C-alpha atoms as a PDB file:
ATOM      1  CA  MET A   1       1.125  -5.762 -23.237  1.00  0.00           C
ATOM      2  CA  GLY A   2       0.287  -3.516 -20.299  1.00  0.00           C
ATOM      3  CA  GLY A   3      -1.140  -6.198 -18.541  1.00  0.00           C
ATOM      4  CA  ARG A   4       1.881  -8.928 -19.131  1.00  0.00           C
ATOM      5  CA  LEU A   5       4.240  -5.885 -17.769  1.00  0.00           C
ATOM      6  CA  GLY A   6       2.689  -5.465 -14.944  1.00  0.00           C
ATOM      7  CA  GLU A   7       2.646  -9.272 -14.198  1.00  0.00           C
ATOM      8  CA  TRP A   8       6.133  -9.622 -15.046  1.00  0.00           C
ATOM      9  CA  LEU A   9       6.838  -7.016 -12.798  1.00  0.00           C
ATOM     10  CA  SER A  10       4.906  -8.732  -9.871  1.00  0.00           C
ATOM     11  CA  ASP A  11       7.399 -11.780 -10.080  1.00  0.00           C
ATOM     12  CA  LEU A  12      10.160 -10.512  -9.817  1.00  0.00           C
ATOM     13  CA  SER A  13      12.066  -9.364  -6.660  1.00  0.00           C
ATOM     14  CA  VAL A  14      12.866  -5.744  -5.640  1.00  0.00           C
ATOM     15  CA  LEU A  15      16.576  -6.702  -5.680  1.00  0.00           C
ATOM     16  CA  GLY A  16      16.112  -8.772  -9.098  1.00  0.00           C
ATOM     17  CA  ILE A  17      14.425  -5.272 -10.446  1.00  0.00           C
ATOM     18  CA  SER A  18      17.166  -3.136  -8.926  1.00  0.00           C
ATOM     19  CA  ALA A  19      19.832  -5.431 -10.400  1.00  0.00           C
ATOM     20  CA  ALA A  20      17.801  -5.792 -13.983  1.00  0.00           C
ATOM     21  CA  THR A  21      17.338  -1.817 -14.143  1.00  0.00           C
ATOM     22  CA  PHE A  22      21.154  -1.381 -13.639  1.00  0.00           C
ATOM     23  CA  VAL A  23      22.381  -4.011 -16.059  1.00  0.00           C
ATOM     24  CA  VAL A  24      19.849  -2.630 -18.676  1.00  0.00           C
ATOM     25  CA  MET A  25      21.731   1.197 -18.103  1.00  0.00           C
ATOM     26  CA  ILE A  26      25.125  -0.498 -18.169  1.00  0.00           C
ATOM     27  CA  VAL A  27      23.926  -2.196 -21.797  1.00  0.00           C
ATOM     28  CA  SER A  28      22.245   1.215 -22.968  1.00  0.00           C
ATOM     29  CA  ALA A  29      25.779   3.191 -22.189  1.00  0.00           C
ATOM     30  CA  LEU A  30      28.231   0.774 -23.526  1.00  0.00           C
ATOM     31  CA  ALA A  31      25.651   0.806 -26.588  1.00  0.00           C
ATOM     32  CA  GLY A  32      25.948   4.752 -26.534  1.00  0.00           C
ATOM     33  CA  GLN A  33      29.728   4.246 -26.073  1.00  0.00           C
ATOM     34  CA  SER A  34      30.052   2.034 -29.212  1.00  0.00           C
ATOM     35  CA  VAL A  35      28.158   4.708 -31.247  1.00  0.00           C
ATOM     36  CA  ARG A  36      30.401   7.278 -30.604  1.00  0.00           C
ATOM     37  CA  ARG A  37      33.300   5.493 -31.233  1.00  0.00           C
ATOM     38  CA  PHE A  38      31.836   3.598 -34.525  1.00  0.00           C
ATOM     39  CA  ARG A  39      30.955   7.661 -35.775  1.00  0.00           C
ATOM     40  CA  ILE A  40      34.600   8.883 -34.553  1.00  0.00           C
ATOM     41  CA  ALA A  41      36.173   5.839 -36.659  1.00  0.00           C
ATOM     42  CA  ARG A  42      33.842   6.731 -39.994  1.00  0.00           C
ATOM     43  CA  SER A  43      35.039  10.017 -39.957  1.00  0.00           C
ATOM     44  CA  LYS A  44      38.547   9.192 -38.908  1.00  0.00           C
ATOM     45  CA  ALA A  45      38.796  12.639 -36.896  1.00  0.00           C
ATOM     46  CA  THR A  46      38.441  12.768 -33.020  1.00  0.00           C
ATOM     47  CA  ASP A  47      36.286  15.059 -31.264  1.00  0.00           C
ATOM     48  CA  ASP A  48      37.179  18.733 -30.708  1.00  0.00           C
ATOM     49  CA  PRO A  49      36.069  19.647 -27.442  1.00  0.00           C
ATOM     50  CA  ASN A  50      35.262  23.360 -28.272  1.00  0.00           C
ATOM     51  CA  ASP A  51      33.342  21.832 -31.125  1.00  0.00           C
ATOM     52  CA  ARG A  52      29.529  23.220 -31.000  1.00  0.00           C
ATOM     53  CA  SER A  53      27.911  20.153 -31.618  1.00  0.00           C
ATOM     54  CA  GLN A  54      29.723  18.698 -28.320  1.00  0.00           C
ATOM     55  CA  GLY A  55      27.881  21.424 -26.529  1.00  0.00           C
ATOM     56  CA  GLN A  56      24.266  21.050 -28.083  1.00  0.00           C
ATOM     57  CA  GLU A  57      25.164  17.140 -26.740  1.00  0.00           C
ATOM     58  CA  GLU A  58      25.486  18.197 -23.412  1.00  0.00           C
ATOM     59  CA  TYR A  59      22.621  20.352 -23.333  1.00  0.00           C
ATOM     60  CA  LEU A  60      20.258  17.714 -24.711  1.00  0.00           C
ATOM     61  CA  LEU A  61      21.790  15.215 -21.857  1.00  0.00           C
ATOM     62  CA  GLY A  62      20.617  18.025 -19.668  1.00  0.00           C
ATOM     63  CA  GLY A  63      17.297  18.236 -20.595  1.00  0.00           C
ATOM     64  CA  SER A  64      16.953  14.294 -20.884  1.00  0.00           C
ATOM     65  CA  LEU A  65      18.229  14.030 -17.167  1.00  0.00           C
ATOM     66  CA  ALA A  66      16.069  16.638 -16.471  1.00  0.00           C
ATOM     67  CA  LEU A  67      12.798  14.779 -17.669  1.00  0.00           C
ATOM     68  CA  LEU A  68      14.049  11.656 -16.308  1.00  0.00           C
ATOM     69  CA  ALA A  69      14.265  13.288 -12.934  1.00  0.00           C
ATOM     70  CA  LEU A  70      10.833  14.568 -13.430  1.00  0.00           C
ATOM     71  CA  LEU A  71       9.429  11.244 -14.095  1.00  0.00           C
ATOM     72  CA  LEU A  72      10.692   9.560 -11.104  1.00  0.00           C
ATOM     73  CA  ALA A  73       9.366  12.192  -9.108  1.00  0.00           C
ATOM     74  CA  PHE A  74       5.953  11.572 -10.140  1.00  0.00           C
ATOM     75  CA  THR A  75       5.988   7.489 -10.295  1.00  0.00           C
ATOM     76  CA  PHE A  76       7.628   8.140  -6.655  1.00  0.00           C
ATOM     77  CA  GLY A  77       5.051  10.379  -5.851  1.00  0.00           C
ATOM     78  CA  LEU A  78       1.921   8.379  -7.445  1.00  0.00           C
ATOM     79  CA  VAL A  79       3.133   5.397  -4.949  1.00  0.00           C
ATOM     80  CA  LEU A  80       3.685   7.539  -1.834  1.00  0.00           C
ATOM     81  CA  ASN A  81       0.336   8.623  -2.208  1.00  0.00           C
ATOM     82  CA  ARG A  82      -1.444   5.585  -2.728  1.00  0.00           C
ATOM     83  CA  TYR A  83       0.653   4.366   0.623  1.00  0.00           C
ATOM     84  CA  GLU A  84      -0.552   7.302   2.183  1.00  0.00           C
ATOM     85  CA  ALA A  85      -4.461   6.762   1.377  1.00  0.00           C
ATOM     86  CA  ARG A  86      -3.493   2.970   2.239  1.00  0.00           C
ATOM     87  CA  ARG A  87      -2.320   4.114   5.707  1.00  0.00           C
ATOM     88  CA  GLN A  88      -5.591   6.294   6.054  1.00  0.00           C
ATOM     89  CA  LEU A  89      -7.820   3.662   5.667  1.00  0.00           C
ATOM     90  CA  VAL A  90      -6.321   1.686   8.340  1.00  0.00           C
ATOM     91  CA  THR A  91      -7.087   4.065  10.999  1.00  0.00           C
ATOM     92  CA  ASN A  92     -10.424   4.468   9.434  1.00  0.00           C
ATOM     93  CA  GLU A  93     -11.411   0.894   9.412  1.00  0.00           C
ATOM     94  CA  ALA A  94     -10.024   0.901  13.476  1.00  0.00           C
ATOM     95  CA  ASN A  95     -12.516   3.598  14.229  1.00  0.00           C
ATOM     96  CA  ALA A  96     -15.035   2.283  12.504  1.00  0.00           C
ATOM     97  CA  ILE A  97     -15.109  -0.986  14.174  1.00  0.00           C
ATOM     98  CA  GLY A  98     -14.502   0.789  17.718  1.00  0.00           C
ATOM     99  CA  THR A  99     -17.574   2.669  17.238  1.00  0.00           C
ATOM    100  CA  ALA A 100     -19.658  -0.178  15.986  1.00  0.00           C
ATOM    101  CA  TYR A 101     -18.430  -1.862  18.833  1.00  0.00           C
ATOM    102  CA  LEU A 102     -19.593   0.671  21.303  1.00  0.00           C
ATOM    103  CA  ARG A 103     -22.703   0.847  19.922  1.00  0.00           C
ATOM    104  CA  ALA A 104     -23.376  -3.004  19.913  1.00  0.00           C
ATOM    105  CA  GLN A 105     -23.112  -2.834  23.876  1.00  0.00           C
ATOM    106  CA  LEU A 106     -26.380  -1.041  24.208  1.00  0.00           C
ATOM    107  CA  LEU A 107     -28.079  -4.275  22.663  1.00  0.00           C
ATOM    108  CA  ASP A 108     -29.979  -6.829  25.088  1.00  0.00           C
ATOM    109  CA  GLU A 109     -28.228  -9.998  25.016  1.00  0.00           C
ATOM    110  CA  PRO A 110     -27.118 -12.644  23.438  1.00  0.00           C
ATOM    111  CA  HIS A 111     -26.930 -10.001  20.512  1.00  0.00           C
ATOM    112  CA  ARG A 112     -24.764  -7.795  22.328  1.00  0.00           C
ATOM    113  CA  SER A 113     -22.177 -10.772  23.266  1.00  0.00           C
ATOM    114  CA  ARG A 114     -22.603 -12.363  19.582  1.00  0.00           C
ATOM    115  CA  LEU A 115     -21.485  -9.240  17.616  1.00  0.00           C
ATOM    116  CA  SER A 116     -18.629  -7.976  20.415  1.00  0.00           C
ATOM    117  CA  GLY A 117     -17.095 -11.273  19.531  1.00  0.00           C
ATOM    118  CA  LEU A 118     -17.656 -11.145  15.671  1.00  0.00           C
ATOM    119  CA  LEU A 119     -16.241  -8.058  15.684  1.00  0.00           C
ATOM    120  CA  THR A 120     -13.214  -9.145  17.562  1.00  0.00           C
ATOM    121  CA  ALA A 121     -12.614 -11.964  15.576  1.00  0.00           C
ATOM    122  CA  TYR A 122     -13.155  -9.860  12.414  1.00  0.00           C
ATOM    123  CA  THR A 123     -10.709  -7.046  13.633  1.00  0.00           C
ATOM    124  CA  ASP A 124      -7.787  -9.808  14.232  1.00  0.00           C
ATOM    125  CA  ASN A 125      -8.519 -11.756  10.449  1.00  0.00           C
ATOM    126  CA  ARG A 126      -8.051  -8.150   9.163  1.00  0.00           C
ATOM    127  CA  ILE A 127      -4.692  -8.000  10.675  1.00  0.00           C
ATOM    128  CA  ARG A 128      -3.897 -11.335   9.282  1.00  0.00           C
ATOM    129  CA  VAL A 129      -4.747 -10.236   5.864  1.00  0.00           C
ATOM    130  CA  ALA A 130      -2.882  -7.087   5.756  1.00  0.00           C
ATOM    131  CA  ASN A 131       0.210  -8.745   6.987  1.00  0.00           C
ATOM    132  CA  SER A 132      -0.548 -12.642   4.795  1.00  0.00           C
ATOM    133  CA  GLY A 133       1.576 -13.680   1.750  1.00  0.00           C
ATOM    134  CA  ALA A 134       0.813 -16.901   0.829  1.00  0.00           C
ATOM    135  CA  GLU A 135      -2.308 -17.547   3.022  1.00  0.00           C
ATOM    136  CA  ALA A 136      -4.112 -14.239   1.428  1.00  0.00           C
ATOM    137  CA  ASN A 137      -6.776 -16.411  -0.177  1.00  0.00           C
ATOM    138  CA  ALA A 138      -7.712 -18.286   2.853  1.00  0.00           C
ATOM    139  CA  ASN A 139      -7.736 -14.988   4.972  1.00  0.00           C
ATOM    140  CA  LEU A 140      -9.729 -13.133   2.585  1.00  0.00           C
ATOM    141  CA  ALA A 141     -12.170 -16.095   2.245  1.00  0.00           C
ATOM    142  CA  LYS A 142     -12.733 -16.097   6.458  1.00  0.00           C
ATOM    143  CA  ASN A 143     -13.067 -12.043   5.996  1.00  0.00           C
ATOM    144  CA  ASP A 144     -15.992 -12.182   3.661  1.00  0.00           C
ATOM    145  CA  GLN A 145     -17.653 -15.138   6.079  1.00  0.00           C
ATOM    146  CA  LEU A 146     -17.348 -13.068   8.864  1.00  0.00           C
ATOM    147  CA  LEU A 147     -18.790 -10.112   7.503  1.00  0.00           C
ATOM    148  CA  THR A 148     -21.686 -12.296   6.358  1.00  0.00           C
ATOM    149  CA  GLN A 149     -21.896 -13.605   9.744  1.00  0.00           C
ATOM    150  CA  ILE A 150     -21.789  -9.763  11.122  1.00  0.00           C
ATOM    151  CA  TRP A 151     -24.743  -8.412   8.897  1.00  0.00           C
ATOM    152  CA  ALA A 152     -27.040 -11.501  10.074  1.00  0.00           C
ATOM    153  CA  ALA A 153     -26.014 -11.297  13.635  1.00  0.00           C
ATOM    154  CA  VAL A 154     -27.054  -7.271  13.038  1.00  0.00           C
ATOM    155  CA  SER A 155     -30.455  -8.182  11.539  1.00  0.00           C
ATOM    156  CA  ALA A 156     -31.244 -10.949  14.234  1.00  0.00           C
ATOM    157  CA  ALA A 157     -30.421  -7.504  16.451  1.00  0.00           C
ATOM    158  CA  GLY A 158     -32.692  -5.062  14.489  1.00  0.00           C
ATOM    159  CA  SER A 159     -35.935  -5.525  17.430  1.00  0.00           C
ATOM    160  CA  SER A 160     -33.324  -4.543  20.451  1.00  0.00           C
ATOM    161  CA  ALA A 161     -31.899  -1.948  18.536  1.00  0.00           C
ATOM    162  CA  GLN A 162     -35.845  -0.346  17.848  1.00  0.00           C
ATOM    163  CA  ALA A 163     -36.217  -1.121  21.652  1.00  0.00           C
ATOM    164  CA  HIS A 164     -33.416   1.040  22.055  1.00  0.00           C
ATOM    165  CA  GLY A 165     -33.849   3.445  19.676  1.00  0.00           C
ATOM    166  CA  ILE A 166     -30.674   2.949  18.221  1.00  0.00           C
ATOM    167  CA  SER A 167     -31.707   1.547  14.803  1.00  0.00           C
ATOM    168  CA  MET A 168     -29.919   3.926  12.475  1.00  0.00           C
ATOM    169  CA  PRO A 169     -26.927   4.764  14.511  1.00  0.00           C
ATOM    170  CA  LEU A 170     -26.403   0.758  14.415  1.00  0.00           C
ATOM    171  CA  LEU A 171     -26.625   0.544  10.872  1.00  0.00           C
ATOM    172  CA  GLU A 172     -24.598   3.445  10.371  1.00  0.00           C
ATOM    173  CA  ALA A 173     -21.756   1.400  11.864  1.00  0.00           C
ATOM    174  CA  PHE A 174     -21.864  -1.480  10.423  1.00  0.00           C
ATOM    175  CA  ASN A 175     -22.177  -0.344   6.730  1.00  0.00           C
ATOM    176  CA  GLU A 176     -19.374   1.698   7.463  1.00  0.00           C
ATOM    177  CA  ILE A 177     -17.370  -1.040   8.163  1.00  0.00           C
ATOM    178  CA  ILE A 178     -18.755  -2.870   5.181  1.00  0.00           C
ATOM    179  CA  ASN A 179     -17.668   0.400   2.797  1.00  0.00           C
ATOM    180  CA  LEU A 180     -14.329   0.095   4.374  1.00  0.00           C
ATOM    181  CA  ASP A 181     -13.667  -3.621   3.392  1.00  0.00           C
ATOM    182  CA  THR A 182     -14.630  -2.582  -0.234  1.00  0.00           C
ATOM    183  CA  GLU A 183     -12.348   0.769  -0.273  1.00  0.00           C
ATOM    184  CA  ARG A 184      -9.125  -1.657   1.337  1.00  0.00           C
ATOM    185  CA  LYS A 185      -9.564  -4.018  -0.608  1.00  0.00           C
ATOM    186  CA  VAL A 186      -9.700  -1.862  -3.882  1.00  0.00           C
ATOM    187  CA  ALA A 187      -6.385   0.381  -2.500  1.00  0.00           C
ATOM    188  CA  TRP A 188      -4.903  -3.464  -2.061  1.00  0.00           C
ATOM    189  CA  ARG A 189      -5.022  -3.980  -5.751  1.00  0.00           C
ATOM    190  CA  LEU A 190      -4.140  -0.485  -7.130  1.00  0.00           C
ATOM    191  CA  ARG A 191      -0.465  -0.573  -8.721  1.00  0.00           C
ATOM    192  CA  VAL A 192       1.003   2.194 -10.612  1.00  0.00           C
ATOM    193  CA  PRO A 193       0.107   1.640 -14.363  1.00  0.00           C
ATOM    194  CA  ALA A 194       2.048  -0.186 -16.414  1.00  0.00           C
ATOM    195  CA  GLY A 195       2.072   2.202 -19.145  1.00  0.00           C
ATOM    196  CA  VAL A 196       4.033   4.880 -16.496  1.00  0.00           C
ATOM    197  CA  LEU A 197       6.437   2.015 -15.773  1.00  0.00           C
ATOM    198  CA  ALA A 198       6.965   1.055 -19.840  1.00  0.00           C
ATOM    199  CA  LEU A 199       7.859   5.015 -20.167  1.00  0.00           C
ATOM    200  CA  LEU A 200      10.194   5.286 -17.172  1.00  0.00           C
ATOM    201  CA  LEU A 201      11.767   2.314 -18.361  1.00  0.00           C
ATOM    202  CA  ALA A 202      12.079   4.003 -22.096  1.00  0.00           C
ATOM    203  CA  TYR A 203      13.493   6.879 -20.618  1.00  0.00           C
ATOM    204  CA  LEU A 204      15.948   5.261 -18.412  1.00  0.00           C
ATOM    205  CA  ILE A 205      17.302   3.388 -21.707  1.00  0.00           C
ATOM    206  CA  VAL A 206      17.673   6.700 -23.775  1.00  0.00           C
ATOM    207  CA  THR A 207      19.409   8.722 -20.760  1.00  0.00           C
ATOM    208  CA  ALA A 208      21.550   5.935 -20.173  1.00  0.00           C
ATOM    209  CA  GLY A 209      22.742   5.583 -23.724  1.00  0.00           C
ATOM    210  CA  GLU A 210      23.012   9.332 -24.001  1.00  0.00           C
ATOM    211  CA  LEU A 211      25.659   9.309 -21.058  1.00  0.00           C
ATOM    212  CA  GLY A 212      27.403   6.453 -22.675  1.00  0.00           C
ATOM    213  CA  TYR A 213      27.610   8.567 -25.842  1.00  0.00           C
ATOM    214  CA  ILE A 214      28.912  11.716 -24.507  1.00  0.00           C
ATOM    215  CA  VAL A 215      30.481  10.975 -21.016  1.00  0.00           C
ATOM    216  CA  GLU A 216      34.475  10.627 -21.115  1.00  0.00           C
ATOM    217  CA  GLY A 217      36.881   9.721 -19.164  1.00  0.00           C
ATOM    218  CA  PRO A 218      37.103   8.005 -15.889  1.00  0.00           C
ATOM    219  CA  ARG A 219      36.139  10.202 -13.412  1.00  0.00           C
ATOM    220  CA  GLY A 220      32.786  11.249 -16.063  1.00  0.00           C
ATOM    221  CA  LYS A 221      32.412   7.017 -16.320  1.00  0.00           C
ATOM    222  CA  ARG A 222      32.736   6.496 -12.417  1.00  0.00           C
ATOM    223  CA  ALA A 223      29.999   9.725 -11.795  1.00  0.00           C
ATOM    224  CA  ALA A 224      27.533   7.725 -14.455  1.00  0.00           C
ATOM    225  CA  LEU A 225      28.173   4.828 -12.735  1.00  0.00           C
ATOM    226  CA  MET A 226      27.276   6.336  -9.257  1.00  0.00           C
ATOM    227  CA  LEU A 227      24.143   8.227 -11.009  1.00  0.00           C
ATOM    228  CA  PHE A 228      22.773   4.055 -12.312  1.00  0.00           C
ATOM    229  CA  VAL A 229      23.169   2.926  -8.923  1.00  0.00           C
ATOM    230  CA  LEU A 230      21.295   5.727  -7.551  1.00  0.00           C
ATOM    231  CA  ILE A 231      18.478   5.152 -10.379  1.00  0.00           C
ATOM    232  CA  ALA A 232      18.271   1.484  -9.701  1.00  0.00           C
ATOM    233  CA  LEU A 233      17.909   2.112  -6.152  1.00  0.00           C
ATOM    234  CA  SER A 234      15.242   4.449  -6.716  1.00  0.00           C
ATOM    235  CA  ILE A 235      13.206   1.774  -8.680  1.00  0.00           C
ATOM    236  CA  GLY A 236      13.835  -0.755  -6.214  1.00  0.00           C
ATOM    237  CA  VAL A 237      11.924   1.479  -3.448  1.00  0.00           C
ATOM    238  CA  ILE A 238       9.243   2.249  -5.946  1.00  0.00           C
ATOM    239  CA  THR A 239       8.500  -1.221  -6.933  1.00  0.00           C
ATOM    240  CA  ASP A 240       8.239  -2.106  -3.234  1.00  0.00           C
ATOM    241  CA  VAL A 241       5.698   0.645  -2.507  1.00  0.00           C
ATOM    242  CA  ASN A 242       3.925  -0.484  -5.356  1.00  0.00           C
ATOM    243  CA  ARG A 243       3.344  -3.940  -3.762  1.00  0.00           C
ATOM    244  CA  PRO A 244       0.588  -3.207  -1.206  1.00  0.00           C
ATOM    245  CA  SER A 245       0.197  -6.739  -0.390  1.00  0.00           C
ATOM    246  CA  SER A 246       3.825  -8.480  -0.982  1.00  0.00           C
ATOM    247  CA  GLY A 247       6.122  -5.678  -0.200  1.00  0.00           C
ATOM    248  CA  ALA A 248       8.301  -5.067   2.441  1.00  0.00           C
ATOM    249  CA  ILE A 249       7.241  -1.504   2.600  1.00  0.00           C
ATOM    250  CA  ARG A 250       3.651  -1.679   3.907  1.00  0.00           C
ATOM    251  CA  GLU A 251       0.724   0.564   5.635  1.00  0.00           C
ATOM    252  CA  SER A 252       1.175   0.038   9.568  1.00  0.00           C
ATOM    253  CA  GLN A 253      -1.267  -1.846  11.314  1.00  0.00           C
ATOM    254  CA  TRP A 254      -0.851  -0.184  14.238  1.00  0.00           C
ATOM    255  CA  PRO A 255      -4.345   1.315  14.862  1.00  0.00           C
ATOM    256  CA  MET A 256      -5.810  -1.978  14.338  1.00  0.00           C
ATOM    257  CA  ILE A 257      -3.814  -3.910  16.457  1.00  0.00           C
ATOM    258  CA  GLN A 258      -4.235  -1.716  19.271  1.00  0.00           C
ATOM    259  CA  LEU A 259      -7.965  -1.649  18.646  1.00  0.00           C
ATOM    260  CA  LEU A 260      -7.861  -5.574  18.555  1.00  0.00           C
ATOM    261  CA  ASN A 261      -5.832  -5.288  22.009  1.00  0.00           C
ATOM    262  CA  ALA A 262      -9.004  -2.959  23.688  1.00  0.00           C
ATOM    263  CA  LEU A 263     -11.549  -5.160  22.515  1.00  0.00           C
ATOM    264  CA  ARG A 264      -9.614  -8.427  24.043  1.00  0.00           C
ATOM    265  CA  THR A 265      -9.618  -6.597  27.411  1.00  0.00           C
ATOM    266  CA  GLN A 266     -12.798  -4.698  27.269  1.00  0.00           C
ATOM    267  CA  SER A 267     -15.521  -7.504  27.345  1.00  0.00           C
ATOM    268  CA  PRO A 268     -19.166  -6.477  27.391  1.00  0.00           C
ATOM    269  CA  ARG A 269     -19.567  -7.048  31.169  1.00  0.00           C
ATOM    270  CA  ALA A 270     -17.126  -4.119  31.375  1.00  0.00           C
ATOM    271  CA  PHE A 271     -19.656  -1.727  30.006  1.00  0.00           C
ATOM    272  CA  ASP A 272     -22.091  -3.032  33.054  1.00  0.00           C
ATOM    273  CA  GLN A 273     -20.474  -1.600  35.861  1.00  0.00           C
ATOM    274  CA  PHE A 274     -22.277   1.339  36.116  1.00  0.00           C
ATOM    275  CA  LYS A 275     -25.949   0.153  35.656  1.00  0.00           C
ATOM    276  CA  ALA A 276     -28.382  -0.059  37.995  1.00  0.00           C
ATOM    277  CA  SER A 277     -28.553  -3.021  40.031  1.00  0.00           C
ATOM    278  CA  PRO A 278     -32.345  -4.545  40.312  1.00  0.00           C
ATOM    279  CA  PRO A 279     -33.795  -4.159  43.574  1.00  0.00           C
ATOM    280  CA  VAL A 280     -33.460  -7.094  46.282  1.00  0.00           C
ATOM    281  CA  SER A 281     -36.245  -8.329  48.251  1.00  0.00           C
ATOM    282  CA  ARG A 282     -35.939  -8.909  51.659  1.00  0.00           C
ATOM    283  CA  ASN A 283     -37.717 -11.373  53.782  1.00  0.00           C
ATOM    284  CA  ARG A 284     -40.032  -9.483  56.247  1.00  0.00           C
ATOM    285  CA  SER A 285     -39.083 -11.800  58.938  1.00  0.00           C
ATOM    286  CA  GLN A 286     -35.584 -10.564  58.508  1.00  0.00           C
ATOM    287  CA  GLU A 287     -36.984  -6.678  58.385  1.00  0.00           C
ATOM    288  CA  SER A 288     -38.849  -7.721  61.650  1.00  0.00           C
END
């Protein structure tokens, strides 16, 4: 049940979910009004505004609204925490790739140029993966292929790394890249549990029904309508943030973009500018 609900919500647009939430609350409020009219017609009496039951109903409505606000805040906080976690992973991955790129410059050729090129291509593809929609599967397949090539290049550079005494630092840097690849893939698939969404929907229906049952007069109905609009917009924002791979609100890729620009402008030769040049032999005839 929870899986089917999650898939159904994923297939709907954010605007569609907001509109559906608003319609569900309107229908529930109309149902609450119908129940009230039926009760009044059955008792053949009008409600007394000073009746004790009226005050109890308003007290229960206040409690329901407070619980609904608490559940909305909990759900919103849950999706925001996961959004912040994804954003932090982008920065961590950019730092890890940058560190691995710098350590690769200590290797001999052709390992240095090979790893530098693979890391640049990997960074570019990671940005594409984060921003891709319909091409997500193709970009993910290329991502895994690049990871395999990177690790093969690291394995081939083992003797060079050992000769320069950087075997462990080099392995740690590239292991961090592989670990962050897994962490970001998991973060992209995390959603708010379907049970929480179902509970939130149930609270929306019950609270809207209570509002329709209790609220009277044009001013009260306009206020309830405005509340329904605000709740529907909140649900739309929650839904959008809850879609890491397809929503409009995604974590910024700015750290990775800045890293890619730096990798493209700083070729491996840029790190040779302060290396000592080999001595130049002179002709004895020239010396004399």
